[in-house]
């Protein structure tokens, strides 16, 4: 732009013209420069928006992969260990364990096929059918073995935004999986979902050795849970409970929409 202005000045000295023509010339080049700058700015903003959309999609896929497939694989591993221990003394119970493993493997394949379809076809990341608050009760039966998992739902939970229901289920699912895998000496895991007016609270507490759990390196599960809560305008806290064990506490607005 500076070179253009200097050039205009030199040409005006070499070939004097009227003031109106000089102003028009300057205006034309200034307009062209401003237009070029605006186009470059909007093109850069568009590229940044596309990259942010891709990043959000990758993060969503990562959360779904971890929370769904990771949960099922963990359950398969736990059931396989139980089946091996029961094979010699209780073959009938070992057979039931194998049936549970088969069901978990089938669900894992379904989830994987859905995700591969999203990645291959470029479709929207809509992992239907999505679970909700009512499905949290199934966690009491889906883990099996020890520790025992109790689920309590209280209050009016029928008017939740579907995205909130999905988040509550995934957070509960991941926390229960972590408790079964990492809560040393735990005998019980309690999952409580409570209506609190304009918001809903999910609390998952185990009675294991919190000092042992605290030394477990944090993984993608806790990051994914915190992301789910934050995207919906909620909060999530996790840590040792003063009365012993480990507690995850998530509070989400009932009518939240994904941001």
C-alpha atoms as a PDB file:
ATOM      1  CA  UNK A   1       0.000   0.000   0.000  1.00  0.00           C
ATOM      2  CA  UNK A   2       2.865   2.379   0.820  1.00  0.00           C
ATOM      3  CA  UNK A   3       4.539   1.708  -2.524  1.00  0.00           C
ATOM      4  CA  UNK A   4       1.246   2.355  -4.320  1.00  0.00           C
ATOM      5  CA  UNK A   5       0.827   5.733  -2.593  1.00  0.00           C
ATOM      6  CA  UNK A   6       4.428   6.731  -3.423  1.00  0.00           C
ATOM      7  CA  UNK A   7       3.902   5.656  -7.016  1.00  0.00           C
ATOM      8  CA  UNK A   8       0.758   7.759  -7.286  1.00  0.00           C
ATOM      9  CA  UNK A   9       2.614  10.782  -5.930  1.00  0.00           C
ATOM     10  CA  UNK A  10       5.516  10.365  -8.376  1.00  0.00           C
ATOM     11  CA  UNK A  11       3.215   9.924 -11.367  1.00  0.00           C
ATOM     12  CA  UNK A  12       1.266  13.016 -10.338  1.00  0.00           C
ATOM     13  CA  UNK A  13       4.474  15.096 -10.305  1.00  0.00           C
ATOM     14  CA  UNK A  14       5.560  13.690 -13.675  1.00  0.00           C
ATOM     15  CA  UNK A  15       2.098  14.137 -15.211  1.00  0.00           C
ATOM     16  CA  UNK A  16       0.061  16.749 -13.312  1.00  0.00           C
ATOM     17  CA  UNK A  17      -3.660  16.203 -13.328  1.00  0.00           C
ATOM     18  CA  UNK A  18      -6.653  17.673 -11.604  1.00  0.00           C
ATOM     19  CA  UNK A  19      -7.199  17.290  -7.843  1.00  0.00           C
ATOM     20  CA  UNK A  20     -10.378  15.310  -8.399  1.00  0.00           C
ATOM     21  CA  UNK A  21      -8.551  12.771 -10.534  1.00  0.00           C
ATOM     22  CA  UNK A  22      -5.801  12.409  -7.943  1.00  0.00           C
ATOM     23  CA  UNK A  23      -8.335  11.867  -5.181  1.00  0.00           C
ATOM     24  CA  UNK A  24     -10.182   9.340  -7.323  1.00  0.00           C
ATOM     25  CA  UNK A  25      -6.959   7.473  -8.009  1.00  0.00           C
ATOM     26  CA  UNK A  26      -6.018   7.358  -4.338  1.00  0.00           C
ATOM     27  CA  UNK A  27      -9.551   6.301  -3.440  1.00  0.00           C
ATOM     28  CA  UNK A  28      -9.546   3.493  -5.998  1.00  0.00           C
ATOM     29  CA  UNK A  29      -6.287   2.005  -4.752  1.00  0.00           C
ATOM     30  CA  UNK A  30      -7.266   2.432  -1.115  1.00  0.00           C
ATOM     31  CA  UNK A  31     -10.564   0.693  -1.779  1.00  0.00           C
ATOM     32  CA  UNK A  32      -8.770  -2.152  -3.576  1.00  0.00           C
ATOM     33  CA  UNK A  33      -6.313  -2.557  -0.710  1.00  0.00           C
ATOM     34  CA  UNK A  34      -9.091  -2.521   1.898  1.00  0.00           C
ATOM     35  CA  UNK A  35     -11.117  -5.031  -0.116  1.00  0.00           C
ATOM     36  CA  UNK A  36      -8.132  -7.358  -0.396  1.00  0.00           C
ATOM     37  CA  UNK A  37      -7.462  -7.093   3.345  1.00  0.00           C
ATOM     38  CA  UNK A  38     -11.112  -7.813   4.135  1.00  0.00           C
ATOM     39  CA  UNK A  39     -11.171 -10.858   1.846  1.00  0.00           C
ATOM     40  CA  UNK A  40      -7.989 -12.233   3.428  1.00  0.00           C
ATOM     41  CA  UNK A  41      -9.378 -11.631   6.932  1.00  0.00           C
ATOM     42  CA  UNK A  42     -12.681 -13.371   6.237  1.00  0.00           C
ATOM     43  CA  UNK A  43     -10.915 -16.241   4.468  1.00  0.00           C
ATOM     44  CA  UNK A  44      -8.660 -16.693   7.487  1.00  0.00           C
ATOM     45  CA  UNK A  45     -11.643 -16.532   9.861  1.00  0.00           C
ATOM     46  CA  UNK A  46     -13.459 -19.128   7.764  1.00  0.00           C
ATOM     47  CA  UNK A  47     -10.452 -21.445   7.898  1.00  0.00           C
ATOM     48  CA  UNK A  48     -10.229 -20.995  11.671  1.00  0.00           C
ATOM     49  CA  UNK A  49     -13.959 -21.764  12.037  1.00  0.00           C
ATOM     50  CA  UNK A  50     -13.555 -24.944   9.975  1.00  0.00           C
ATOM     51  CA  UNK A  51     -10.574 -26.054  12.071  1.00  0.00           C
ATOM     52  CA  UNK A  52     -12.518 -25.389  15.285  1.00  0.00           C
ATOM     53  CA  UNK A  53     -15.470 -27.408  13.962  1.00  0.00           C
ATOM     54  CA  UNK A  54     -13.140 -30.276  13.082  1.00  0.00           C
ATOM     55  CA  UNK A  55     -11.577 -30.110  16.538  1.00  0.00           C
ATOM     56  CA  UNK A  56     -14.997 -30.187  18.231  1.00  0.00           C
ATOM     57  CA  UNK A  57     -16.007 -33.177  16.104  1.00  0.00           C
ATOM     58  CA  UNK A  58     -12.771 -35.034  16.925  1.00  0.00           C
ATOM     59  CA  UNK A  59     -13.257 -34.342  20.625  1.00  0.00           C
ATOM     60  CA  UNK A  60     -16.841 -35.603  20.461  1.00  0.00           C
ATOM     61  CA  UNK A  61     -15.712 -38.768  18.673  1.00  0.00           C
ATOM     62  CA  UNK A  62     -12.958 -39.246  21.245  1.00  0.00           C
ATOM     63  CA  UNK A  63     -15.439 -38.905  24.120  1.00  0.00           C
ATOM     64  CA  UNK A  64     -17.896 -41.330  22.535  1.00  0.00           C
ATOM     65  CA  UNK A  65     -15.135 -43.829  21.736  1.00  0.00           C
ATOM     66  CA  UNK A  66     -13.797 -43.699  25.274  1.00  0.00           C
ATOM     67  CA  UNK A  67     -17.151 -43.672  27.065  1.00  0.00           C
ATOM     68  CA  UNK A  68     -18.917 -46.347  25.018  1.00  0.00           C
ATOM     69  CA  UNK A  69     -16.359 -48.722  23.550  1.00  0.00           C
ATOM     70  CA  UNK A  70     -13.971 -48.237  26.468  1.00  0.00           C
ATOM     71  CA  UNK A  71     -16.733 -49.034  28.947  1.00  0.00           C
ATOM     72  CA  UNK A  72     -17.775 -52.215  27.130  1.00  0.00           C
ATOM     73  CA  UNK A  73     -14.180 -53.439  26.746  1.00  0.00           C
ATOM     74  CA  UNK A  74     -13.540 -52.833  30.444  1.00  0.00           C
ATOM     75  CA  UNK A  75     -16.680 -54.824  31.291  1.00  0.00           C
ATOM     76  CA  UNK A  76     -15.528 -57.646  29.009  1.00  0.00           C
ATOM     77  CA  UNK A  77     -12.144 -57.755  30.732  1.00  0.00           C
ATOM     78  CA  UNK A  78     -13.743 -57.814  34.193  1.00  0.00           C
ATOM     79  CA  UNK A  79     -16.194 -60.556  33.231  1.00  0.00           C
ATOM     80  CA  UNK A  80     -13.427 -62.597  31.609  1.00  0.00           C
ATOM     81  CA  UNK A  81     -11.433 -62.482  34.836  1.00  0.00           C
ATOM     82  CA  UNK A  82     -14.508 -63.549  36.799  1.00  0.00           C
ATOM     83  CA  UNK A  83     -15.239 -66.357  34.335  1.00  0.00           C
ATOM     84  CA  UNK A  84     -11.728 -67.731  34.602  1.00  0.00           C
ATOM     85  CA  UNK A  85     -11.998 -67.778  38.392  1.00  0.00           C
ATOM     86  CA  UNK A  86     -15.365 -69.567  38.260  1.00  0.00           C
ATOM     87  CA  UNK A  87     -14.646 -72.027  35.464  1.00  0.00           C
ATOM     88  CA  UNK A  88     -13.418 -74.875  37.662  1.00  0.00           C
ATOM     89  CA  UNK A  89     -15.702 -74.578  40.695  1.00  0.00           C
ATOM     90  CA  UNK A  90     -18.893 -73.093  39.205  1.00  0.00           C
ATOM     91  CA  UNK A  91     -19.119 -73.890  35.486  1.00  0.00           C
ATOM     92  CA  UNK A  92     -22.772 -72.774  35.306  1.00  0.00           C
ATOM     93  CA  UNK A  93     -21.875 -69.294  36.568  1.00  0.00           C
ATOM     94  CA  UNK A  94     -18.902 -69.219  34.215  1.00  0.00           C
ATOM     95  CA  UNK A  95     -21.304 -69.907  31.329  1.00  0.00           C
ATOM     96  CA  UNK A  96     -23.489 -66.968  32.395  1.00  0.00           C
ATOM     97  CA  UNK A  97     -20.364 -64.816  32.421  1.00  0.00           C
ATOM     98  CA  UNK A  98     -19.596 -65.854  28.849  1.00  0.00           C
ATOM     99  CA  UNK A  99     -23.112 -64.796  27.821  1.00  0.00           C
ATOM    100  CA  UNK A 100     -22.532 -61.376  29.397  1.00  0.00           C
ATOM    101  CA  UNK A 101     -19.248 -61.082  27.508  1.00  0.00           C
ATOM    102  CA  UNK A 102     -21.001 -61.949  24.256  1.00  0.00           C
ATOM    103  CA  UNK A 103     -23.640 -59.250  24.835  1.00  0.00           C
ATOM    104  CA  UNK A 104     -21.002 -56.636  25.678  1.00  0.00           C
ATOM    105  CA  UNK A 105     -18.975 -57.567  22.595  1.00  0.00           C
ATOM    106  CA  UNK A 106     -22.069 -57.205  20.386  1.00  0.00           C
ATOM    107  CA  UNK A 107     -22.809 -53.748  21.798  1.00  0.00           C
ATOM    108  CA  UNK A 108     -19.171 -52.770  21.244  1.00  0.00           C
ATOM    109  CA  UNK A 109     -19.351 -53.826  17.597  1.00  0.00           C
ATOM    110  CA  UNK A 110     -22.520 -51.760  17.102  1.00  0.00           C
ATOM    111  CA  UNK A 111     -20.885 -48.669  18.588  1.00  0.00           C
ATOM    112  CA  UNK A 112     -17.739 -49.167  16.508  1.00  0.00           C
ATOM    113  CA  UNK A 113     -19.742 -49.570  13.294  1.00  0.00           C
ATOM    114  CA  UNK A 114     -21.645 -46.354  14.036  1.00  0.00           C
ATOM    115  CA  UNK A 115     -18.418 -44.428  14.580  1.00  0.00           C
ATOM    116  CA  UNK A 116     -16.724 -45.900  11.508  1.00  0.00           C
ATOM    117  CA  UNK A 117     -19.789 -44.870   9.503  1.00  0.00           C
ATOM    118  CA  UNK A 118     -19.434 -41.298  10.741  1.00  0.00           C
ATOM    119  CA  UNK A 119     -15.745 -41.187   9.848  1.00  0.00           C
ATOM    120  CA  UNK A 120     -16.139 -42.909   6.463  1.00  0.00           C
ATOM    121  CA  UNK A 121     -19.271 -41.159   5.194  1.00  0.00           C
ATOM    122  CA  UNK A 122     -18.713 -37.760   6.772  1.00  0.00           C
ATOM    123  CA  UNK A 123     -22.148 -37.859   8.384  1.00  0.00           C
ATOM    124  CA  UNK A 124     -23.126 -35.824  11.413  1.00  0.00           C
ATOM    125  CA  UNK A 125     -21.964 -37.250  14.712  1.00  0.00           C
ATOM    126  CA  UNK A 126     -25.375 -38.467  15.811  1.00  0.00           C
ATOM    127  CA  UNK A 127     -24.833 -41.675  17.742  1.00  0.00           C
ATOM    128  CA  UNK A 128     -28.469 -42.784  17.872  1.00  0.00           C
ATOM    129  CA  UNK A 129     -30.093 -44.099  19.843  1.00  0.00           C
ATOM    130  CA  UNK A 130     -28.570 -42.091  22.642  1.00  0.00           C
ATOM    131  CA  UNK A 131     -28.982 -43.191  26.270  1.00  0.00           C
ATOM    132  CA  UNK A 132     -30.676 -41.038  28.892  1.00  0.00           C
ATOM    133  CA  UNK A 133     -31.248 -40.755  32.620  1.00  0.00           C
ATOM    134  CA  UNK A 134     -33.561 -43.791  32.711  1.00  0.00           C
ATOM    135  CA  UNK A 135     -30.747 -45.930  31.273  1.00  0.00           C
ATOM    136  CA  UNK A 136     -28.549 -45.171  34.288  1.00  0.00           C
ATOM    137  CA  UNK A 137     -30.518 -47.811  36.193  1.00  0.00           C
ATOM    138  CA  UNK A 138     -29.032 -50.424  33.866  1.00  0.00           C
ATOM    139  CA  UNK A 139     -25.574 -49.680  35.260  1.00  0.00           C
ATOM    140  CA  UNK A 140     -26.637 -51.514  38.419  1.00  0.00           C
ATOM    141  CA  UNK A 141     -26.787 -54.699  36.369  1.00  0.00           C
ATOM    142  CA  UNK A 142     -24.314 -54.141  33.556  1.00  0.00           C
ATOM    143  CA  UNK A 143     -21.086 -54.356  35.560  1.00  0.00           C
ATOM    144  CA  UNK A 144     -21.646 -57.610  37.409  1.00  0.00           C
ATOM    145  CA  UNK A 145     -19.389 -59.113  40.038  1.00  0.00           C
ATOM    146  CA  UNK A 146     -17.977 -56.932  42.780  1.00  0.00           C
ATOM    147  CA  UNK A 147     -18.375 -54.186  43.985  1.00  0.00           C
ATOM    148  CA  UNK A 148     -22.158 -53.907  44.043  1.00  0.00           C
ATOM    149  CA  UNK A 149     -23.568 -50.928  42.130  1.00  0.00           C
ATOM    150  CA  UNK A 150     -26.745 -49.255  43.437  1.00  0.00           C
ATOM    151  CA  UNK A 151     -28.635 -46.630  41.433  1.00  0.00           C
ATOM    152  CA  UNK A 152     -31.052 -44.084  42.906  1.00  0.00           C
ATOM    153  CA  UNK A 153     -33.145 -41.638  40.844  1.00  0.00           C
ATOM    154  CA  UNK A 154     -35.151 -39.005  42.707  1.00  0.00           C
ATOM    155  CA  UNK A 155     -37.363 -36.078  41.720  1.00  0.00           C
ATOM    156  CA  UNK A 156     -38.779 -34.947  38.390  1.00  0.00           C
ATOM    157  CA  UNK A 157     -36.292 -35.984  35.712  1.00  0.00           C
ATOM    158  CA  UNK A 158     -38.701 -36.197  32.770  1.00  0.00           C
ATOM    159  CA  UNK A 159     -38.184 -32.654  31.433  1.00  0.00           C
ATOM    160  CA  UNK A 160     -34.417 -32.844  30.935  1.00  0.00           C
ATOM    161  CA  UNK A 161     -32.902 -31.674  27.681  1.00  0.00           C
ATOM    162  CA  UNK A 162     -31.829 -34.858  25.782  1.00  0.00           C
ATOM    163  CA  UNK A 163     -28.214 -33.669  25.685  1.00  0.00           C
ATOM    164  CA  UNK A 164     -28.256 -33.396  29.488  1.00  0.00           C
ATOM    165  CA  UNK A 165     -29.604 -36.931  29.792  1.00  0.00           C
ATOM    166  CA  UNK A 166     -26.834 -38.251  27.549  1.00  0.00           C
ATOM    167  CA  UNK A 167     -24.171 -36.397  29.543  1.00  0.00           C
ATOM    168  CA  UNK A 168     -25.497 -37.695  32.870  1.00  0.00           C
ATOM    169  CA  UNK A 169     -25.504 -41.263  31.592  1.00  0.00           C
ATOM    170  CA  UNK A 170     -21.991 -41.060  30.119  1.00  0.00           C
ATOM    171  CA  UNK A 171     -20.560 -39.465  33.268  1.00  0.00           C
ATOM    172  CA  UNK A 172     -22.219 -42.105  35.462  1.00  0.00           C
ATOM    173  CA  UNK A 173     -21.074 -44.885  33.141  1.00  0.00           C
ATOM    174  CA  UNK A 174     -17.459 -43.711  33.122  1.00  0.00           C
ATOM    175  CA  UNK A 175     -17.373 -43.165  36.884  1.00  0.00           C
ATOM    176  CA  UNK A 176     -18.801 -46.625  37.622  1.00  0.00           C
ATOM    177  CA  UNK A 177     -16.262 -48.191  35.240  1.00  0.00           C
ATOM    178  CA  UNK A 178     -13.416 -46.330  36.972  1.00  0.00           C
ATOM    179  CA  UNK A 179     -14.657 -47.404  40.397  1.00  0.00           C
ATOM    180  CA  UNK A 180     -14.826 -51.063  39.379  1.00  0.00           C
ATOM    181  CA  UNK A 181     -11.368 -50.925  37.842  1.00  0.00           C
ATOM    182  CA  UNK A 182      -9.474 -48.682  40.268  1.00  0.00           C
ATOM    183  CA  UNK A 183     -11.297 -48.413  43.620  1.00  0.00           C
ATOM    184  CA  UNK A 184      -9.242 -50.760  45.773  1.00  0.00           C
ATOM    185  CA  UNK A 185     -11.186 -52.690  48.440  1.00  0.00           C
ATOM    186  CA  UNK A 186     -14.472 -51.105  47.296  1.00  0.00           C
ATOM    187  CA  UNK A 187     -17.598 -53.106  48.142  1.00  0.00           C
ATOM    188  CA  UNK A 188     -20.259 -50.664  46.962  1.00  0.00           C
ATOM    189  CA  UNK A 189     -20.762 -47.908  44.408  1.00  0.00           C
ATOM    190  CA  UNK A 190     -23.781 -45.612  44.783  1.00  0.00           C
ATOM    191  CA  UNK A 191     -25.079 -43.617  41.808  1.00  0.00           C
ATOM    192  CA  UNK A 192     -27.572 -40.897  42.767  1.00  0.00           C
ATOM    193  CA  UNK A 193     -29.356 -38.570  40.341  1.00  0.00           C
ATOM    194  CA  UNK A 194     -31.431 -35.848  42.009  1.00  0.00           C
ATOM    195  CA  UNK A 195     -33.756 -33.128  40.751  1.00  0.00           C
ATOM    196  CA  UNK A 196     -32.733 -29.742  42.182  1.00  0.00           C
ATOM    197  CA  UNK A 197     -35.202 -27.365  40.581  1.00  0.00           C
ATOM    198  CA  UNK A 198     -33.573 -25.732  37.564  1.00  0.00           C
ATOM    199  CA  UNK A 199     -30.647 -28.139  37.661  1.00  0.00           C
ATOM    200  CA  UNK A 200     -29.910 -31.806  38.174  1.00  0.00           C
ATOM    201  CA  UNK A 201     -27.131 -33.315  40.284  1.00  0.00           C
ATOM    202  CA  UNK A 202     -25.318 -36.589  39.665  1.00  0.00           C
ATOM    203  CA  UNK A 203     -23.278 -38.024  42.515  1.00  0.00           C
ATOM    204  CA  UNK A 204     -21.278 -41.244  42.236  1.00  0.00           C
ATOM    205  CA  UNK A 205     -19.540 -42.428  45.386  1.00  0.00           C
ATOM    206  CA  UNK A 206     -17.585 -45.584  46.193  1.00  0.00           C
ATOM    207  CA  UNK A 207     -16.345 -46.881  49.541  1.00  0.00           C
ATOM    208  CA  UNK A 208     -12.899 -47.939  48.351  1.00  0.00           C
ATOM    209  CA  UNK A 209      -9.450 -46.819  49.419  1.00  0.00           C
ATOM    210  CA  UNK A 210      -9.371 -43.194  48.269  1.00  0.00           C
ATOM    211  CA  UNK A 211      -5.611 -42.903  48.809  1.00  0.00           C
ATOM    212  CA  UNK A 212      -5.017 -45.644  46.261  1.00  0.00           C
ATOM    213  CA  UNK A 213      -7.429 -44.091  43.772  1.00  0.00           C
ATOM    214  CA  UNK A 214      -5.837 -40.678  44.161  1.00  0.00           C
ATOM    215  CA  UNK A 215      -2.504 -42.085  42.967  1.00  0.00           C
ATOM    216  CA  UNK A 216      -4.022 -43.440  39.754  1.00  0.00           C
ATOM    217  CA  UNK A 217      -2.809 -41.294  36.843  1.00  0.00           C
ATOM    218  CA  UNK A 218      -5.682 -39.199  35.423  1.00  0.00           C
ATOM    219  CA  UNK A 219      -6.806 -40.407  32.009  1.00  0.00           C
ATOM    220  CA  UNK A 220      -9.008 -39.245  29.191  1.00  0.00           C
ATOM    221  CA  UNK A 221     -12.143 -40.341  31.073  1.00  0.00           C
ATOM    222  CA  UNK A 222     -11.991 -37.534  33.632  1.00  0.00           C
ATOM    223  CA  UNK A 223     -11.134 -35.030  30.901  1.00  0.00           C
ATOM    224  CA  UNK A 224     -14.110 -36.196  28.840  1.00  0.00           C
ATOM    225  CA  UNK A 225     -16.482 -35.983  31.807  1.00  0.00           C
ATOM    226  CA  UNK A 226     -15.355 -32.455  32.607  1.00  0.00           C
ATOM    227  CA  UNK A 227     -15.765 -31.463  28.947  1.00  0.00           C
ATOM    228  CA  UNK A 228     -19.302 -32.843  28.819  1.00  0.00           C
ATOM    229  CA  UNK A 229     -20.312 -30.870  31.901  1.00  0.00           C
ATOM    230  CA  UNK A 230     -18.626 -27.663  30.742  1.00  0.00           C
ATOM    231  CA  UNK A 231     -20.192 -27.773  27.270  1.00  0.00           C
ATOM    232  CA  UNK A 232     -23.632 -27.800  28.896  1.00  0.00           C
ATOM    233  CA  UNK A 233     -22.875 -24.966  31.296  1.00  0.00           C
ATOM    234  CA  UNK A 234     -22.415 -27.287  34.267  1.00  0.00           C
ATOM    235  CA  UNK A 235     -19.651 -28.224  36.668  1.00  0.00           C
ATOM    236  CA  UNK A 236     -17.902 -31.439  37.639  1.00  0.00           C
ATOM    237  CA  UNK A 237     -15.744 -32.154  40.663  1.00  0.00           C
ATOM    238  CA  UNK A 238     -13.934 -35.376  41.499  1.00  0.00           C
ATOM    239  CA  UNK A 239     -11.810 -36.320  44.476  1.00  0.00           C
ATOM    240  CA  UNK A 240     -11.524 -38.172  47.784  1.00  0.00           C
ATOM    241  CA  UNK A 241     -14.584 -38.022  50.020  1.00  0.00           C
ATOM    242  CA  UNK A 242     -14.093 -36.817  53.619  1.00  0.00           C
ATOM    243  CA  UNK A 243     -15.927 -39.932  54.841  1.00  0.00           C
ATOM    244  CA  UNK A 244     -13.766 -42.246  52.735  1.00  0.00           C
ATOM    245  CA  UNK A 245     -13.898 -43.431  49.169  1.00  0.00           C
ATOM    246  CA  UNK A 246     -13.988 -41.410  45.975  1.00  0.00           C
ATOM    247  CA  UNK A 247     -16.762 -39.080  44.814  1.00  0.00           C
ATOM    248  CA  UNK A 248     -17.663 -37.557  41.470  1.00  0.00           C
ATOM    249  CA  UNK A 249     -20.217 -34.739  41.642  1.00  0.00           C
ATOM    250  CA  UNK A 250     -21.708 -33.191  38.490  1.00  0.00           C
ATOM    251  CA  UNK A 251     -24.311 -30.410  38.361  1.00  0.00           C
ATOM    252  CA  UNK A 252     -26.004 -29.592  35.038  1.00  0.00           C
ATOM    253  CA  UNK A 253     -28.778 -27.142  34.124  1.00  0.00           C
ATOM    254  CA  UNK A 254     -31.909 -29.044  33.102  1.00  0.00           C
ATOM    255  CA  UNK A 255     -32.572 -27.103  29.933  1.00  0.00           C
ATOM    256  CA  UNK A 256     -28.983 -26.781  28.782  1.00  0.00           C
ATOM    257  CA  UNK A 257     -28.154 -26.920  25.095  1.00  0.00           C
ATOM    258  CA  UNK A 258     -24.730 -27.843  23.783  1.00  0.00           C
ATOM    259  CA  UNK A 259     -22.524 -24.830  23.176  1.00  0.00           C
END
